Amino acid sequence: VNGSARADVAVGETLKFSAVIEMPPDTGTLVAVDWDFEGDGDFPVSSPLSNTASERTEVETSYTFRTPGTYFPAVRASSHRDGKTDTPYARITNLGRVRVVVQ
């Protein structure tokens, strides 16, 4: 978040979130990157994937918090052995989190 693992911001300030996702060789294809900013576990925001064949992918998005509080936004990267993007089954997921304090 804004280039760090923690951000202290004002209500209404837009934050830049980025993730570097690396896949071990021969383990499948990255099929989805989803974001959960509010910490409710539903991951409503998806990042478009332009290069899923690469072992290393970078994604970016932004978000604005409207309510003060401490948040733990998460990014979820999902891979699939056969590269199937149309199924929720047999996905391998990994999470990354940061801390955002909104005042």
PDB file of N, CA and C in Angstrom:
ATOM      1  N   VAL A   1       0.858  -1.159   0.000  1.00  0.00           N
ATOM      2  CA  VAL A   1       0.000   0.000   0.000  1.00  0.00           C
ATOM      3  C   VAL A   1       0.909   1.227   0.000  1.00  0.00           C
ATOM      4  N   ASN A   2       0.767   2.016  -1.048  1.00  0.00           N
ATOM      5  CA  ASN A   2       1.621   3.198  -1.218  1.00  0.00           C
ATOM      6  C   ASN A   2       3.099   2.860  -1.048  1.00  0.00           C
ATOM      7  N   GLY A   3       3.505   1.655  -1.466  1.00  0.00           N
ATOM      8  CA  GLY A   3       4.907   1.239  -1.430  1.00  0.00           C
ATOM      9  C   GLY A   3       5.398   0.711  -0.103  1.00  0.00           C
ATOM     10  N   SER A   4       4.507   0.437   0.845  1.00  0.00           N
ATOM     11  CA  SER A   4       4.908  -0.022   2.170  1.00  0.00           C
ATOM     12  C   SER A   4       3.927  -1.078   2.672  1.00  0.00           C
ATOM     13  N   ALA A   5       4.228  -1.663   3.830  1.00  0.00           N
ATOM     14  CA  ALA A   5       3.339  -2.658   4.427  1.00  0.00           C
ATOM     15  C   ALA A   5       2.304  -2.008   5.338  1.00  0.00           C
ATOM     16  N   ARG A   6       2.430  -0.679   5.549  1.00  0.00           N
ATOM     17  CA  ARG A   6       1.485   0.049   6.398  1.00  0.00           C
ATOM     18  C   ARG A   6       1.303   1.459   5.841  1.00  0.00           C
ATOM     19  N   ALA A   7       0.062   1.957   5.964  1.00  0.00           N
ATOM     20  CA  ALA A   7      -0.221   3.332   5.554  1.00  0.00           C
ATOM     21  C   ALA A   7      -1.108   3.983   6.604  1.00  0.00           C
ATOM     22  N   ASP A   8      -0.795   5.243   6.937  1.00  0.00           N
ATOM     23  CA  ASP A   8      -1.617   6.066   7.808  1.00  0.00           C
ATOM     24  C   ASP A   8      -2.162   7.194   6.944  1.00  0.00           C
ATOM     25  N   VAL A   9      -3.486   7.249   6.792  1.00  0.00           N
ATOM     26  CA  VAL A   9      -4.083   8.198   5.850  1.00  0.00           C
ATOM     27  C   VAL A   9      -5.316   8.864   6.446  1.00  0.00           C
ATOM     28  N   ALA A  10      -5.765   9.900   5.771  1.00  0.00           N
ATOM     29  CA  ALA A  10      -7.001  10.581   6.152  1.00  0.00           C
ATOM     30  C   ALA A  10      -8.179   9.951   5.426  1.00  0.00           C
ATOM     31  N   VAL A  11      -9.356  10.084   6.014  1.00  0.00           N
ATOM     32  CA  VAL A  11     -10.583   9.627   5.351  1.00  0.00           C
ATOM     33  C   VAL A  11     -10.679  10.298   3.986  1.00  0.00           C
ATOM     34  N   GLY A  12     -10.985   9.528   2.964  1.00  0.00           N
ATOM     35  CA  GLY A  12     -11.148  10.065   1.610  1.00  0.00           C
ATOM     36  C   GLY A  12      -9.877  10.110   0.784  1.00  0.00           C
ATOM     37  N   GLU A  13      -8.749   9.758   1.363  1.00  0.00           N
ATOM     38  CA  GLU A  13      -7.487   9.738   0.613  1.00  0.00           C
ATOM     39  C   GLU A  13      -7.387   8.444  -0.192  1.00  0.00           C
ATOM     40  N   THR A  14      -7.049   8.561  -1.459  1.00  0.00           N
ATOM     41  CA  THR A  14      -6.941   7.384  -2.322  1.00  0.00           C
ATOM     42  C   THR A  14      -5.570   6.739  -2.140  1.00  0.00           C
ATOM     43  N   LEU A  15      -5.581   5.427  -1.947  1.00  0.00           N
ATOM     44  CA  LEU A  15      -4.359   4.653  -1.756  1.00  0.00           C
ATOM     45  C   LEU A  15      -4.080   3.805  -2.984  1.00  0.00           C
ATOM     46  N   LYS A  16      -2.813   3.601  -3.271  1.00  0.00           N
ATOM     47  CA  LYS A  16      -2.391   2.729  -4.364  1.00  0.00           C
ATOM     48  C   LYS A  16      -1.933   1.397  -3.771  1.00  0.00           C
ATOM     49  N   PHE A  17      -2.535   0.327  -4.245  1.00  0.00           N
ATOM     50  CA  PHE A  17      -2.169  -1.024  -3.814  1.00  0.00           C
ATOM     51  C   PHE A  17      -1.491  -1.742  -4.967  1.00  0.00           C
ATOM     52  N   SER A  18      -0.406  -2.438  -4.674  1.00  0.00           N
ATOM     53  CA  SER A  18       0.283  -3.215  -5.707  1.00  0.00           C
ATOM     54  C   SER A  18       0.713  -4.554  -5.119  1.00  0.00           C
ATOM     55  N   ALA A  19       0.809  -5.535  -5.989  1.00  0.00           N
ATOM     56  CA  ALA A  19       1.237  -6.868  -5.576  1.00  0.00           C
ATOM     57  C   ALA A  19       2.123  -7.464  -6.657  1.00  0.00           C
ATOM     58  N   VAL A  20       3.173  -8.122  -6.225  1.00  0.00           N
ATOM     59  CA  VAL A  20       4.038  -8.893  -7.118  1.00  0.00           C
ATOM     60  C   VAL A  20       3.757 -10.353  -6.812  1.00  0.00           C
ATOM     61  N   ILE A  21       3.322 -11.084  -7.832  1.00  0.00           N
ATOM     62  CA  ILE A  21       2.939 -12.486  -7.661  1.00  0.00           C
ATOM     63  C   ILE A  21       3.911 -13.347  -8.440  1.00  0.00           C
ATOM     64  N   GLU A  22       4.514 -14.292  -7.751  1.00  0.00           N
ATOM     65  CA  GLU A  22       5.479 -15.185  -8.393  1.00  0.00           C
ATOM     66  C   GLU A  22       5.005 -16.628  -8.276  1.00  0.00           C
ATOM     67  N   MET A  23       5.060 -17.312  -9.399  1.00  0.00           N
ATOM     68  CA  MET A  23       4.658 -18.714  -9.467  1.00  0.00           C
ATOM     69  C   MET A  23       5.905 -19.581  -9.634  1.00  0.00           C
ATOM     70  N   PRO A  24       6.042 -20.641  -8.850  1.00  0.00           N
ATOM     71  CA  PRO A  24       7.152 -21.564  -9.084  1.00  0.00           C
ATOM     72  C   PRO A  24       7.012 -22.202 -10.471  1.00  0.00           C
ATOM     73  N   PRO A  25       8.110 -22.552 -11.103  1.00  0.00           N
ATOM     74  CA  PRO A  25       8.046 -23.181 -12.430  1.00  0.00           C
ATOM     75  C   PRO A  25       7.203 -24.460 -12.421  1.00  0.00           C
ATOM     76  N   ASP A  26       6.451 -24.658 -13.483  1.00  0.00           N
ATOM     77  CA  ASP A  26       5.667 -25.872 -13.704  1.00  0.00           C
ATOM     78  C   ASP A  26       4.618 -26.145 -12.620  1.00  0.00           C
ATOM     79  N   THR A  27       4.036 -25.096 -12.052  1.00  0.00           N
ATOM     80  CA  THR A  27       3.017 -25.294 -11.007  1.00  0.00           C
ATOM     81  C   THR A  27       1.642 -24.838 -11.443  1.00  0.00           C
ATOM     82  N   GLY A  28       1.487 -24.428 -12.674  1.00  0.00           N
ATOM     83  CA  GLY A  28       0.184 -23.981 -13.149  1.00  0.00           C
ATOM     84  C   GLY A  28       0.235 -22.548 -13.616  1.00  0.00           C
ATOM     85  N   THR A  29      -0.934 -21.975 -13.772  1.00  0.00           N
ATOM     86  CA  THR A  29      -1.081 -20.640 -14.318  1.00  0.00           C
ATOM     87  C   THR A  29      -1.850 -19.760 -13.346  1.00  0.00           C
ATOM     88  N   LEU A  30      -1.444 -18.527 -13.236  1.00  0.00           N
ATOM     89  CA  LEU A  30      -2.193 -17.566 -12.442  1.00  0.00           C
ATOM     90  C   LEU A  30      -3.524 -17.305 -13.140  1.00  0.00           C
ATOM     91  N   VAL A  31      -4.632 -17.501 -12.417  1.00  0.00           N
ATOM     92  CA  VAL A  31      -5.952 -17.353 -13.046  1.00  0.00           C
ATOM     93  C   VAL A  31      -6.784 -16.219 -12.461  1.00  0.00           C
ATOM     94  N   ALA A  32      -6.420 -15.699 -11.283  1.00  0.00           N
ATOM     95  CA  ALA A  32      -7.205 -14.620 -10.690  1.00  0.00           C
ATOM     96  C   ALA A  32      -6.408 -13.887  -9.622  1.00  0.00           C
ATOM     97  N   VAL A  33      -6.658 -12.580  -9.543  1.00  0.00           N
ATOM     98  CA  VAL A  33      -6.144 -11.758  -8.458  1.00  0.00           C
ATOM     99  C   VAL A  33      -7.316 -10.914  -7.964  1.00  0.00           C
ATOM    100  N   ASP A  34      -7.666 -11.091  -6.690  1.00  0.00           N
ATOM    101  CA  ASP A  34      -8.833 -10.420  -6.113  1.00  0.00           C
ATOM    102  C   ASP A  34      -8.425  -9.670  -4.845  1.00  0.00           C
ATOM    103  N   TRP A  35      -9.139  -8.584  -4.572  1.00  0.00           N
ATOM    104  CA  TRP A  35      -8.827  -7.701  -3.445  1.00  0.00           C
ATOM    105  C   TRP A  35      -9.996  -7.626  -2.468  1.00  0.00           C
ATOM    106  N   ASP A  36      -9.676  -7.632  -1.173  1.00  0.00           N
ATOM    107  CA  ASP A  36     -10.650  -7.413  -0.096  1.00  0.00           C
ATOM    108  C   ASP A  36     -10.143  -6.237   0.727  1.00  0.00           C
ATOM    109  N   PHE A  37     -10.662  -5.055   0.490  1.00  0.00           N
ATOM    110  CA  PHE A  37     -10.176  -3.853   1.161  1.00  0.00           C
ATOM    111  C   PHE A  37     -10.786  -3.664   2.543  1.00  0.00           C
ATOM    112  N   GLU A  38     -12.039  -4.004   2.705  1.00  0.00           N
ATOM    113  CA  GLU A  38     -12.746  -3.752   3.962  1.00  0.00           C
ATOM    114  C   GLU A  38     -12.548  -4.855   4.996  1.00  0.00           C
ATOM    115  N   GLY A  39     -11.991  -5.999   4.591  1.00  0.00           N
ATOM    116  CA  GLY A  39     -11.728  -7.080   5.525  1.00  0.00           C
ATOM    117  C   GLY A  39     -12.927  -7.954   5.839  1.00  0.00           C
ATOM    118  N   ASP A  40     -13.919  -7.979   4.950  1.00  0.00           N
ATOM    119  CA  ASP A  40     -15.092  -8.811   5.207  1.00  0.00           C
ATOM    120  C   ASP A  40     -15.042 -10.168   4.513  1.00  0.00           C
ATOM    121  N   GLY A  41     -13.959 -10.456   3.817  1.00  0.00           N
ATOM    122  CA  GLY A  41     -13.757 -11.785   3.244  1.00  0.00           C
ATOM    123  C   GLY A  41     -14.428 -12.073   1.924  1.00  0.00           C
ATOM    124  N   ASP A  42     -14.998 -11.060   1.264  1.00  0.00           N
ATOM    125  CA  ASP A  42     -15.700 -11.373   0.016  1.00  0.00           C
ATOM    126  C   ASP A  42     -14.908 -11.054  -1.254  1.00  0.00           C
ATOM    127  N   PHE A  43     -13.785 -10.375  -1.192  1.00  0.00           N
ATOM    128  CA  PHE A  43     -12.905 -10.110  -2.334  1.00  0.00           C
ATOM    129  C   PHE A  43     -13.676  -9.619  -3.564  1.00  0.00           C
ATOM    130  N   PRO A  44     -14.340  -8.458  -3.465  1.00  0.00           N
ATOM    131  CA  PRO A  44     -15.202  -7.988  -4.549  1.00  0.00           C
ATOM    132  C   PRO A  44     -14.489  -7.338  -5.741  1.00  0.00           C
ATOM    133  N   VAL A  45     -13.225  -7.001  -5.591  1.00  0.00           N
ATOM    134  CA  VAL A  45     -12.508  -6.300  -6.667  1.00  0.00           C
ATOM    135  C   VAL A  45     -11.497  -7.244  -7.305  1.00  0.00           C
ATOM    136  N   SER A  46     -11.536  -7.364  -8.628  1.00  0.00           N
ATOM    137  CA  SER A  46     -10.588  -8.222  -9.362  1.00  0.00           C
ATOM    138  C   SER A  46      -9.657  -7.366 -10.204  1.00  0.00           C
ATOM    139  N   SER A  47      -8.408  -7.800 -10.290  1.00  0.00           N
ATOM    140  CA  SER A  47      -7.450  -7.124 -11.158  1.00  0.00           C
ATOM    141  C   SER A  47      -7.384  -7.861 -12.485  1.00  0.00           C
ATOM    142  N   PRO A  48      -7.382  -7.127 -13.593  1.00  0.00           N
ATOM    143  CA  PRO A  48      -7.215  -7.796 -14.889  1.00  0.00           C
ATOM    144  C   PRO A  48      -5.808  -8.380 -14.995  1.00  0.00           C
ATOM    145  N   LEU A  49      -5.718  -9.541 -15.619  1.00  0.00           N
ATOM    146  CA  LEU A  49      -4.424 -10.206 -15.795  1.00  0.00           C
ATOM    147  C   LEU A  49      -4.033 -10.141 -17.255  1.00  0.00           C
ATOM    148  N   SER A  50      -2.881  -9.527 -17.525  1.00  0.00           N
ATOM    149  CA  SER A  50      -2.457  -9.367 -18.911  1.00  0.00           C
ATOM    150  C   SER A  50      -1.448 -10.429 -19.339  1.00  0.00           C
ATOM    151  N   ASN A  51      -0.686 -10.990 -18.392  1.00  0.00           N
ATOM    152  CA  ASN A  51       0.360 -11.936 -18.761  1.00  0.00           C
ATOM    153  C   ASN A  51       0.349 -13.104 -17.787  1.00  0.00           C
ATOM    154  N   THR A  52      -0.568 -14.037 -17.969  1.00  0.00           N
ATOM    155  CA  THR A  52      -0.667 -15.171 -17.053  1.00  0.00           C
ATOM    156  C   THR A  52       0.353 -16.263 -17.343  1.00  0.00           C
ATOM    157  N   ALA A  53       1.022 -16.199 -18.477  1.00  0.00           N
ATOM    158  CA  ALA A  53       2.014 -17.223 -18.810  1.00  0.00           C
ATOM    159  C   ALA A  53       3.336 -16.978 -18.085  1.00  0.00           C
ATOM    160  N   SER A  54       3.546 -15.789 -17.616  1.00  0.00           N
ATOM    161  CA  SER A  54       4.785 -15.442 -16.935  1.00  0.00           C
ATOM    162  C   SER A  54       4.798 -16.028 -15.523  1.00  0.00           C
ATOM    163  N   GLU A  55       5.984 -16.316 -15.010  1.00  0.00           N
ATOM    164  CA  GLU A  55       6.118 -16.807 -13.642  1.00  0.00           C
ATOM    165  C   GLU A  55       6.041 -15.654 -12.636  1.00  0.00           C
ATOM    166  N   ARG A  56       6.135 -14.415 -13.118  1.00  0.00           N
ATOM    167  CA  ARG A  56       6.098 -13.238 -12.247  1.00  0.00           C
ATOM    168  C   ARG A  56       5.157 -12.195 -12.851  1.00  0.00           C
ATOM    169  N   THR A  57       4.187 -11.746 -12.051  1.00  0.00           N
ATOM    170  CA  THR A  57       3.199 -10.786 -12.523  1.00  0.00           C
ATOM    171  C   THR A  57       3.042  -9.679 -11.484  1.00  0.00           C
ATOM    172  N   GLU A  58       2.878  -8.458 -11.939  1.00  0.00           N
ATOM    173  CA  GLU A  58       2.621  -7.334 -11.052  1.00  0.00           C
ATOM    174  C   GLU A  58       1.233  -6.771 -11.361  1.00  0.00           C
ATOM    175  N   VAL A  59       0.458  -6.480 -10.313  1.00  0.00           N
ATOM    176  CA  VAL A  59      -0.872  -5.894 -10.475  1.00  0.00           C
ATOM    177  C   VAL A  59      -0.985  -4.675  -9.574  1.00  0.00           C
ATOM    178  N   GLU A  60      -1.827  -3.734  -9.999  1.00  0.00           N
ATOM    179  CA  GLU A  60      -2.060  -2.527  -9.217  1.00  0.00           C
ATOM    180  C   GLU A  60      -3.537  -2.171  -9.219  1.00  0.00           C
ATOM    181  N   THR A  61      -3.970  -1.525  -8.158  1.00  0.00           N
ATOM    182  CA  THR A  61      -5.321  -0.983  -8.067  1.00  0.00           C
ATOM    183  C   THR A  61      -5.301   0.134  -7.042  1.00  0.00           C
ATOM    184  N   SER A  62      -6.400   0.810  -6.893  1.00  0.00           N
ATOM    185  CA  SER A  62      -6.485   1.867  -5.883  1.00  0.00           C
ATOM    186  C   SER A  62      -7.808   1.738  -5.139  1.00  0.00           C
ATOM    187  N   TYR A  63      -7.846   2.364  -3.951  1.00  0.00           N
ATOM    188  CA  TYR A  63      -9.047   2.290  -3.140  1.00  0.00           C
ATOM    189  C   TYR A  63      -9.082   3.491  -2.199  1.00  0.00           C
ATOM    190  N   THR A  64     -10.281   3.937  -1.878  1.00  0.00           N
ATOM    191  CA  THR A  64     -10.477   5.056  -0.966  1.00  0.00           C
ATOM    192  C   THR A  64     -11.358   4.612   0.190  1.00  0.00           C
ATOM    193  N   PHE A  65     -10.860   4.758   1.407  1.00  0.00           N
ATOM    194  CA  PHE A  65     -11.637   4.421   2.598  1.00  0.00           C
ATOM    195  C   PHE A  65     -12.467   5.630   3.011  1.00  0.00           C
ATOM    196  N   ARG A  66     -13.736   5.393   3.305  1.00  0.00           N
ATOM    197  CA  ARG A  66     -14.677   6.471   3.641  1.00  0.00           C
ATOM    198  C   ARG A  66     -14.980   6.573   5.135  1.00  0.00           C
ATOM    199  N   THR A  67     -14.494   5.617   5.921  1.00  0.00           N
ATOM    200  CA  THR A  67     -14.769   5.580   7.355  1.00  0.00           C
ATOM    201  C   THR A  67     -13.472   5.394   8.132  1.00  0.00           C
ATOM    202  N   PRO A  68     -13.273   6.156   9.218  1.00  0.00           N
ATOM    203  CA  PRO A  68     -12.065   5.957  10.029  1.00  0.00           C
ATOM    204  C   PRO A  68     -12.015   4.551  10.610  1.00  0.00           C
ATOM    205  N   GLY A  69     -10.805   4.065  10.836  1.00  0.00           N
ATOM    206  CA  GLY A  69     -10.620   2.762  11.446  1.00  0.00           C
ATOM    207  C   GLY A  69      -9.299   2.147  11.028  1.00  0.00           C
ATOM    208  N   THR A  70      -9.035   0.964  11.536  1.00  0.00           N
ATOM    209  CA  THR A  70      -7.849   0.205  11.148  1.00  0.00           C
ATOM    210  C   THR A  70      -8.323  -0.949  10.281  1.00  0.00           C
ATOM    211  N   TYR A  71      -7.750  -1.042   9.099  1.00  0.00           N
ATOM    212  CA  TYR A  71      -8.149  -2.050   8.117  1.00  0.00           C
ATOM    213  C   TYR A  71      -6.952  -2.933   7.776  1.00  0.00           C
ATOM    214  N   PHE A  72      -7.233  -4.144   7.377  1.00  0.00           N
ATOM    215  CA  PHE A  72      -6.205  -5.091   6.939  1.00  0.00           C
ATOM    216  C   PHE A  72      -6.571  -5.601   5.546  1.00  0.00           C
ATOM    217  N   PRO A  73      -6.411  -4.766   4.527  1.00  0.00           N
ATOM    218  CA  PRO A  73      -6.730  -5.187   3.161  1.00  0.00           C
ATOM    219  C   PRO A  73      -5.890  -6.400   2.747  1.00  0.00           C
ATOM    220  N   ALA A  74      -6.501  -7.245   1.940  1.00  0.00           N
ATOM    221  CA  ALA A  74      -5.825  -8.458   1.486  1.00  0.00           C
ATOM    222  C   ALA A  74      -5.925  -8.590  -0.027  1.00  0.00           C
ATOM    223  N   VAL A  75      -4.895  -9.187  -0.591  1.00  0.00           N
ATOM    224  CA  VAL A  75      -4.919  -9.566  -1.995  1.00  0.00           C
ATOM    225  C   VAL A  75      -4.861 -11.094  -2.029  1.00  0.00           C
ATOM    226  N   ARG A  76      -5.656 -11.689  -2.905  1.00  0.00           N
ATOM    227  CA  ARG A  76      -5.690 -13.147  -3.044  1.00  0.00           C
ATOM    228  C   ARG A  76      -5.298 -13.500  -4.469  1.00  0.00           C
ATOM    229  N   ALA A  77      -4.211 -14.231  -4.602  1.00  0.00           N
ATOM    230  CA  ALA A  77      -3.766 -14.707  -5.913  1.00  0.00           C
ATOM    231  C   ALA A  77      -4.134 -16.184  -6.026  1.00  0.00           C
ATOM    232  N   SER A  78      -4.747 -16.554  -7.156  1.00  0.00           N
ATOM    233  CA  SER A  78      -5.181 -17.934  -7.364  1.00  0.00           C
ATOM    234  C   SER A  78      -4.558 -18.505  -8.624  1.00  0.00           C
ATOM    235  N   SER A  79      -4.061 -19.717  -8.500  1.00  0.00           N
ATOM    236  CA  SER A  79      -3.513 -20.410  -9.669  1.00  0.00           C
ATOM    237  C   SER A  79      -4.301 -21.701  -9.891  1.00  0.00           C
ATOM    238  N   HIS A  80      -4.139 -22.252 -11.081  1.00  0.00           N
ATOM    239  CA  HIS A  80      -4.795 -23.510 -11.433  1.00  0.00           C
ATOM    240  C   HIS A  80      -3.823 -24.318 -12.279  1.00  0.00           C
ATOM    241  N   ARG A  81      -3.653 -25.566 -11.950  1.00  0.00           N
ATOM    242  CA  ARG A  81      -2.682 -26.427 -12.639  1.00  0.00           C
ATOM    243  C   ARG A  81      -2.882 -26.418 -14.156  1.00  0.00           C
ATOM    244  N   ASP A  82      -4.158 -26.445 -14.602  1.00  0.00           N
ATOM    245  CA  ASP A  82      -4.451 -26.486 -16.030  1.00  0.00           C
ATOM    246  C   ASP A  82      -4.805 -25.112 -16.608  1.00  0.00           C
ATOM    247  N   GLY A  83      -4.714 -24.067 -15.786  1.00  0.00           N
ATOM    248  CA  GLY A  83      -4.994 -22.721 -16.272  1.00  0.00           C
ATOM    249  C   GLY A  83      -6.459 -22.421 -16.503  1.00  0.00           C
ATOM    250  N   LYS A  84      -7.348 -23.176 -15.881  1.00  0.00           N
ATOM    251  CA  LYS A  84      -8.790 -22.981 -16.085  1.00  0.00           C
ATOM    252  C   LYS A  84      -9.279 -21.785 -15.273  1.00  0.00           C
ATOM    253  N   THR A  85      -9.698 -20.750 -15.970  1.00  0.00           N
ATOM    254  CA  THR A  85     -10.182 -19.545 -15.304  1.00  0.00           C
ATOM    255  C   THR A  85     -11.676 -19.603 -15.002  1.00  0.00           C
ATOM    256  N   ASP A  86     -12.379 -20.555 -15.593  1.00  0.00           N
ATOM    257  CA  ASP A  86     -13.831 -20.610 -15.467  1.00  0.00           C
ATOM    258  C   ASP A  86     -14.331 -21.546 -14.368  1.00  0.00           C
ATOM    259  N   THR A  87     -13.452 -22.037 -13.514  1.00  0.00           N
ATOM    260  CA  THR A  87     -13.879 -22.933 -12.447  1.00  0.00           C
ATOM    261  C   THR A  87     -13.291 -22.487 -11.109  1.00  0.00           C
ATOM    262  N   PRO A  88     -14.078 -22.566 -10.037  1.00  0.00           N
ATOM    263  CA  PRO A  88     -13.543 -22.249  -8.713  1.00  0.00           C
ATOM    264  C   PRO A  88     -12.852 -23.451  -8.056  1.00  0.00           C
ATOM    265  N   TYR A  89     -12.903 -24.602  -8.716  1.00  0.00           N
ATOM    266  CA  TYR A  89     -12.364 -25.828  -8.141  1.00  0.00           C
ATOM    267  C   TYR A  89     -10.899 -26.025  -8.499  1.00  0.00           C
ATOM    268  N   ALA A  90     -10.192 -26.670  -7.591  1.00  0.00           N
ATOM    269  CA  ALA A  90      -8.781 -27.031  -7.768  1.00  0.00           C
ATOM    270  C   ALA A  90      -7.876 -25.813  -7.892  1.00  0.00           C
ATOM    271  N   ARG A  91      -8.303 -24.690  -7.341  1.00  0.00           N
ATOM    272  CA  ARG A  91      -7.451 -23.496  -7.316  1.00  0.00           C
ATOM    273  C   ARG A  91      -6.540 -23.538  -6.098  1.00  0.00           C
ATOM    274  N   ILE A  92      -5.366 -23.030  -6.266  1.00  0.00           N
ATOM    275  CA  ILE A  92      -4.434 -22.866  -5.156  1.00  0.00           C
ATOM    276  C   ILE A  92      -4.345 -21.373  -4.905  1.00  0.00           C
ATOM    277  N   THR A  93      -4.632 -20.950  -3.676  1.00  0.00           N
ATOM    278  CA  THR A  93      -4.652 -19.520  -3.375  1.00  0.00           C
ATOM    279  C   THR A  93      -3.584 -19.157  -2.351  1.00  0.00           C
ATOM    280  N   ASN A  94      -3.178 -17.899  -2.413  1.00  0.00           N
ATOM    281  CA  ASN A  94      -2.231 -17.350  -1.460  1.00  0.00           C
ATOM    282  C   ASN A  94      -2.672 -15.931  -1.148  1.00  0.00           C
ATOM    283  N   LEU A  95      -2.480 -15.495   0.079  1.00  0.00           N
ATOM    284  CA  LEU A  95      -2.903 -14.174   0.515  1.00  0.00           C
ATOM    285  C   LEU A  95      -1.718 -13.308   0.902  1.00  0.00           C
ATOM    286  N   GLY A  96      -1.886 -12.015   0.691  1.00  0.00           N
ATOM    287  CA  GLY A  96      -0.964 -11.008   1.202  1.00  0.00           C
ATOM    288  C   GLY A  96      -1.793  -9.931   1.874  1.00  0.00           C
ATOM    289  N   ARG A  97      -1.298  -9.376   2.991  1.00  0.00           N
ATOM    290  CA  ARG A  97      -2.038  -8.355   3.733  1.00  0.00           C
ATOM    291  C   ARG A  97      -1.153  -7.165   4.048  1.00  0.00           C
ATOM    292  N   VAL A  98      -1.815  -6.030   4.226  1.00  0.00           N
ATOM    293  CA  VAL A  98      -1.160  -4.812   4.710  1.00  0.00           C
ATOM    294  C   VAL A  98      -2.066  -4.201   5.781  1.00  0.00           C
ATOM    295  N   ARG A  99      -1.542  -3.182   6.477  1.00  0.00           N
ATOM    296  CA  ARG A  99      -2.321  -2.463   7.492  1.00  0.00           C
ATOM    297  C   ARG A  99      -2.566  -1.040   7.004  1.00  0.00           C
ATOM    298  N   VAL A 100      -3.816  -0.592   7.134  1.00  0.00           N
ATOM    299  CA  VAL A 100      -4.163   0.780   6.791  1.00  0.00           C
ATOM    300  C   VAL A 100      -4.899   1.387   7.986  1.00  0.00           C
ATOM    301  N   VAL A 101      -4.366   2.496   8.479  1.00  0.00           N
ATOM    302  CA  VAL A 101      -5.002   3.221   9.578  1.00  0.00           C
ATOM    303  C   VAL A 101      -5.592   4.492   8.977  1.00  0.00           C
ATOM    304  N   VAL A 102      -6.918   4.623   9.053  1.00  0.00           N
ATOM    305  CA  VAL A 102      -7.625   5.753   8.478  1.00  0.00           C
ATOM    306  C   VAL A 102      -8.144   6.641   9.613  1.00  0.00           C
ATOM    307  N   GLN A 103      -7.758   7.913   9.550  1.00  0.00           N
ATOM    308  CA  GLN A 103      -8.182   8.858  10.601  1.00  0.00           C
ATOM    309  C   GLN A 103      -8.970   9.995  10.032  1.00  0.00           C
TER     310      GLN A 103
END
